[in-house]
Amino acid sequence: MAHKEFTYQQIRDILAQASEIQRTKNESKPEQHGITSEELYEIAKEVGISTDVLDKAIKAVENRSFERFNWLIGSSELQSSVTVEGEVTDMQLNQLFPELNAFTGQKGTVEYMGKSYKWEQVENALESVRRVTVVPKDGKTKIIQHVKWDEFRGTGLFLSAFFGALGLALVLKAFGIPKSTYLLLSSIGSLAGYFGFMGALKFYFNKQKKKFEAIMQLITDNLERPAQHRMGMDIMPEPNEKEQVQKGKTRS
């Protein structure tokens, strides 16, 4: 078989097609669950993807929340977890929690539960609750983020359906439609109000999801590279001109 070269775009297309073929095979053979992390790194190496790049890609995928919006009942909750190497220290958490407060614009409460830590925040405007649990164990740290806004969803859907039905009934009554007819047709107004609010809820869901993913990324970056280690040499103070001249004289 003759050797040939593929462009990176072709490699992506080939791997995507191979993945689809493998998925189809796995559906017919449920006992096949995928590949190991070692096999994944080997495949990446063969197609020229560095370990660092693959590590970042894996973390990006793990940090995503894959929950989709439910147009029937509405989605009002997001939860995801990720595990990083090393057990978190008190110093790291003393940096993390203030950063979470600053990022969200509201101070959260911190609770210590044995070796685990919980940061919780309530957004009064929509009564949504955000909770971040940090669990260090066996040389690793698991981060669980959970956010929900049930009261906003339940109250909003009820009121939108009620006022949608009432509004349409009043309009039909004003046009002289018989009571038996406009009461029957008011259910259409109820559905219109329900799904109208569902659209607003979908917008809020997407907004929360972006914030959710950004917070998870902030947490993993903070725990993997604490603030004092994120300071690069490029921000270190430069020696003044006299010191540089003196050093030059010494070398000469």
Protein backbone atom coordinates (compact mmCIF):
# COMPACT_ATOMS: atom_id res chain seq x y z
CA MET A 1 0.00 0.00 0.00
CA ALA A 2 1.48 3.35 -1.09
CA HIS A 3 2.03 6.00 1.58
CA LYS A 4 0.17 9.25 1.17
CA GLU A 5 -0.13 12.45 3.16
CA PHE A 6 -3.32 14.06 4.42
CA THR A 7 -4.00 17.66 5.30
CA TYR A 8 -5.21 18.49 8.82
CA GLN A 9 -8.69 19.14 7.43
CA GLN A 10 -8.69 15.71 5.80
CA ILE A 11 -7.50 14.16 9.05
CA ARG A 12 -10.40 15.78 10.93
CA ASP A 13 -12.87 14.58 8.30
CA ILE A 14 -11.46 11.05 8.31
CA LEU A 15 -11.54 10.80 12.11
CA ALA A 16 -15.07 12.18 12.21
CA GLN A 17 -16.18 9.61 9.62
CA ALA A 18 -14.36 6.81 11.44
CA SER A 19 -16.00 7.87 14.69
CA GLU A 20 -19.45 7.71 13.07
CA ILE A 21 -18.73 4.25 11.66
CA GLN A 22 -17.50 3.09 15.06
CA ARG A 23 -20.58 4.54 16.76
CA THR A 24 -22.83 2.61 14.38
CA LYS A 25 -20.95 -0.60 15.13
CA ASN A 26 -21.15 0.02 18.88
CA GLU A 27 -24.93 0.42 18.65
CA SER A 28 -25.15 -3.08 17.21
CA LYS A 29 -22.66 -4.35 19.84
CA PRO A 30 -23.54 -2.61 23.13
CA GLU A 31 -20.68 -4.29 24.97
CA GLN A 32 -18.21 -2.06 23.10
CA HIS A 33 -18.02 1.16 25.07
CA GLY A 34 -15.21 3.03 23.30
CA ILE A 35 -11.45 3.26 23.80
CA THR A 36 -9.14 3.77 26.75
CA SER A 37 -7.31 7.02 27.47
CA GLU A 38 -4.02 5.31 26.51
CA GLU A 39 -5.45 4.38 23.11
CA LEU A 40 -6.72 7.94 22.65
CA TYR A 41 -3.26 9.38 23.32
CA GLU A 42 -1.74 6.86 20.90
CA ILE A 43 -4.16 7.86 18.15
CA ALA A 44 -3.42 11.54 18.76
CA LYS A 45 0.31 10.85 18.54
CA GLU A 46 -0.12 9.08 15.21
CA VAL A 47 -1.96 12.05 13.66
CA GLY A 48 0.50 14.61 15.01
CA ILE A 49 -1.50 16.00 17.95
CA SER A 50 0.70 16.81 20.93
CA THR A 51 -0.07 15.55 24.43
CA ASP A 52 -0.55 19.11 25.75
CA VAL A 53 -3.08 19.92 23.03
CA LEU A 54 -4.97 16.67 23.66
CA ASP A 55 -4.98 17.34 27.43
CA LYS A 56 -6.59 20.74 26.83
CA ALA A 57 -9.14 19.22 24.43
CA ILE A 58 -10.07 16.49 26.93
CA LYS A 59 -10.54 19.03 29.73
CA ALA A 60 -12.61 21.28 27.48
CA VAL A 61 -14.93 18.37 26.66
CA GLU A 62 -15.12 17.21 30.29
CA ASN A 63 -15.98 20.73 31.42
CA ARG A 64 -18.95 21.03 29.11
CA SER A 65 -22.47 20.61 30.29
CA PHE A 66 -24.21 18.45 27.71
CA GLU A 67 -27.72 19.03 28.98
CA ARG A 68 -30.09 20.22 26.28
CA PHE A 69 -33.03 22.49 26.77
CA ASN A 70 -36.36 20.67 27.20
CA TRP A 71 -39.06 22.53 25.26
CA LEU A 72 -41.86 20.53 26.91
CA ILE A 73 -41.24 21.19 30.60
CA GLY A 74 -38.37 23.68 30.43
CA SER A 75 -34.87 23.13 31.79
CA SER A 76 -33.91 24.85 35.02
CA GLU A 77 -30.81 23.00 36.16
CA LEU A 78 -27.21 22.38 35.09
CA GLN A 79 -24.69 20.07 36.70
CA SER A 80 -21.26 18.86 35.68
CA SER A 81 -18.06 17.62 37.28
CA VAL A 82 -14.39 17.41 36.40
CA THR A 83 -11.36 15.90 38.14
CA VAL A 84 -7.91 17.50 38.21
CA GLU A 85 -4.61 16.06 39.34
CA GLY A 86 -3.42 16.84 42.88
CA GLU A 87 -5.33 17.49 46.08
CA VAL A 88 -6.42 21.08 46.55
CA THR A 89 -4.76 23.09 49.33
CA ASP A 90 -6.22 25.75 51.64
CA MET A 91 -4.04 28.35 49.93
CA GLN A 92 -5.53 27.48 46.53
CA LEU A 93 -9.06 27.71 47.91
CA ASN A 94 -8.29 31.05 49.56
CA GLN A 95 -7.52 32.27 46.03
CA LEU A 96 -10.37 30.43 44.31
CA PHE A 97 -13.38 31.55 46.33
CA PRO A 98 -12.64 35.31 46.10
CA GLU A 99 -12.17 34.87 42.33
CA LEU A 100 -15.59 33.19 42.12
CA ASN A 101 -17.11 36.08 44.07
CA ALA A 102 -15.47 38.61 41.76
CA PHE A 103 -16.44 36.76 38.57
CA THR A 104 -20.09 36.34 39.53
CA GLY A 105 -20.36 39.77 41.13
CA GLN A 106 -21.83 38.40 44.34
CA LYS A 107 -20.31 36.92 47.48
CA GLY A 108 -20.96 33.25 48.15
CA THR A 109 -20.94 31.43 51.48
CA VAL A 110 -18.23 28.85 52.18
CA GLU A 111 -18.82 25.69 54.17
CA TYR A 112 -16.20 23.11 55.16
CA MET A 113 -17.34 19.49 55.33
CA GLY A 114 -14.45 17.36 56.57
CA LYS A 115 -11.92 17.45 53.73
CA SER A 116 -14.47 18.77 51.26
CA TYR A 117 -15.47 22.38 50.63
CA LYS A 118 -18.70 23.94 49.39
CA TRP A 119 -19.19 27.43 47.95
CA GLU A 120 -22.83 28.44 47.51
CA GLN A 121 -24.46 31.54 46.12
CA VAL A 122 -28.09 32.65 45.80
CA GLU A 123 -29.00 35.17 43.10
CA ASN A 124 -31.89 37.06 44.68
CA ALA A 125 -33.25 38.45 41.41
CA LEU A 126 -34.34 35.08 40.03
CA GLU A 127 -33.86 32.94 43.14
CA SER A 128 -31.31 30.76 41.38
CA VAL A 129 -28.82 28.75 43.44
CA ARG A 130 -25.25 28.04 42.35
CA ARG A 131 -23.12 25.55 44.26
CA VAL A 132 -19.50 24.49 43.75
CA THR A 133 -18.27 21.47 45.72
CA VAL A 134 -14.55 20.69 45.88
CA VAL A 135 -13.61 17.16 46.97
CA PRO A 136 -9.88 16.31 47.35
CA LYS A 137 -9.23 12.57 47.54
CA ASP A 138 -6.54 10.03 46.63
CA GLY A 139 -4.20 12.56 45.05
CA LYS A 140 -6.90 14.16 42.90
CA THR A 141 -9.56 16.84 43.29
CA LYS A 142 -13.10 16.52 42.00
CA ILE A 143 -15.02 19.72 41.28
CA ILE A 144 -18.82 19.57 41.04
CA GLN A 145 -20.81 22.59 39.90
CA HIS A 146 -24.58 22.71 40.21
CA VAL A 147 -26.94 25.56 39.36
CA LYS A 148 -30.76 25.62 39.37
CA TRP A 149 -33.54 28.18 38.99
CA ASP A 150 -36.73 26.18 39.69
CA GLU A 151 -38.78 29.03 41.17
CA PHE A 152 -38.19 31.21 38.13
CA ARG A 153 -39.28 28.41 35.79
CA GLY A 154 -42.34 27.19 37.69
CA THR A 155 -43.79 30.60 38.50
CA GLY A 156 -43.08 31.97 35.04
CA LEU A 157 -44.67 29.07 33.16
CA PHE A 158 -47.81 29.14 35.31
CA LEU A 159 -48.32 32.90 35.02
CA SER A 160 -47.61 32.98 31.28
CA ALA A 161 -50.13 30.20 30.61
CA PHE A 162 -52.74 31.82 32.85
CA PHE A 163 -52.45 35.31 31.42
CA GLY A 164 -52.20 33.93 27.88
CA ALA A 165 -55.57 32.19 28.30
CA LEU A 166 -57.12 35.17 30.05
CA GLY A 167 -55.87 37.62 27.44
CA LEU A 168 -57.22 35.64 24.49
CA ALA A 169 -60.56 35.09 26.26
CA LEU A 170 -60.95 38.84 26.83
CA VAL A 171 -60.10 39.62 23.20
CA LEU A 172 -62.60 37.07 21.86
CA LYS A 173 -65.26 38.31 24.29
CA ALA A 174 -64.70 41.88 23.06
CA PHE A 175 -65.44 40.70 19.51
CA GLY A 176 -68.75 39.24 20.66
CA ILE A 177 -67.72 35.58 20.48
CA PRO A 178 -70.05 33.35 22.54
CA LYS A 179 -68.82 32.45 26.00
CA SER A 180 -68.74 28.72 25.31
CA THR A 181 -66.53 29.36 22.26
CA TYR A 182 -64.02 31.79 23.77
CA LEU A 183 -63.64 29.66 26.87
CA LEU A 184 -62.83 26.71 24.62
CA LEU A 185 -60.40 28.72 22.49
CA SER A 186 -58.69 30.25 25.52
CA SER A 187 -56.58 27.10 25.74
CA ILE A 188 -54.82 28.29 22.57
CA GLY A 189 -53.88 31.49 24.39
CA SER A 190 -52.64 29.41 27.29
CA LEU A 191 -50.36 27.42 24.96
CA ALA A 192 -49.15 30.59 23.24
CA GLY A 193 -48.27 32.15 26.59
CA TYR A 194 -46.64 28.92 27.81
CA PHE A 195 -44.34 28.48 24.83
CA GLY A 196 -43.73 32.22 24.59
CA PHE A 197 -42.28 32.14 28.07
CA MET A 198 -40.46 28.92 27.14
CA GLY A 199 -38.56 30.94 24.55
CA ALA A 200 -37.49 33.40 27.24
CA LEU A 201 -36.52 30.49 29.47
CA LYS A 202 -34.43 29.03 26.64
CA PHE A 203 -32.59 32.36 26.32
CA TYR A 204 -31.91 32.36 30.07
CA PHE A 205 -30.82 28.71 29.91
CA ASN A 206 -28.23 29.49 27.22
CA LYS A 207 -27.00 32.46 29.23
CA GLN A 208 -26.63 30.32 32.35
CA LYS A 209 -24.88 27.59 30.36
CA LYS A 210 -22.21 29.98 29.06
CA LYS A 211 -21.66 31.31 32.57
CA PHE A 212 -21.60 27.74 33.91
CA GLU A 213 -18.85 26.69 31.49
CA ALA A 214 -16.83 29.86 32.10
CA ILE A 215 -16.95 29.28 35.87
CA MET A 216 -15.85 25.66 35.48
CA GLN A 217 -12.92 26.78 33.34
CA LEU A 218 -11.99 29.44 35.89
CA ILE A 219 -12.01 26.84 38.66
CA THR A 220 -9.82 24.31 36.82
CA ASP A 221 -7.36 27.00 35.74
CA ASN A 222 -7.15 28.29 39.31
CA LEU A 223 -6.59 24.89 40.89
CA GLU A 224 -4.09 23.73 38.28
CA ARG A 225 -2.16 27.02 38.20
CA PRO A 226 -2.59 29.06 41.39
CA ALA A 227 -2.27 32.83 41.08
CA GLN A 228 1.28 33.02 42.44
CA HIS A 229 2.39 30.51 39.79
CA ARG A 230 0.53 32.26 36.95
CA MET A 231 2.87 35.25 37.23
CA GLY A 232 5.24 34.92 34.29
CA MET A 233 8.66 36.37 33.93
CA ASP A 234 7.28 38.95 31.52
CA ILE A 235 5.56 40.77 34.40
CA MET A 236 8.56 40.72 36.71
CA PRO A 237 9.96 44.23 37.36
CA GLU A 238 12.82 45.17 35.04
CA PRO A 239 16.10 46.31 36.64
CA ASN A 240 16.59 50.07 36.42
CA GLU A 241 18.99 51.68 33.95
CA LYS A 242 21.77 52.27 36.49
CA GLU A 243 21.72 48.62 37.52
CA GLN A 244 21.93 47.54 33.88
CA VAL A 245 24.91 49.88 33.26
CA GLN A 246 26.64 48.64 36.41
CA LYS A 247 26.14 45.03 35.35
CA GLY A 248 27.58 45.86 31.93
CA LYS A 249 30.69 47.38 33.52
CA THR A 250 31.14 44.39 35.76
CA ARG A 251 30.98 41.99 32.81
CA SER A 252 33.51 44.08 30.90
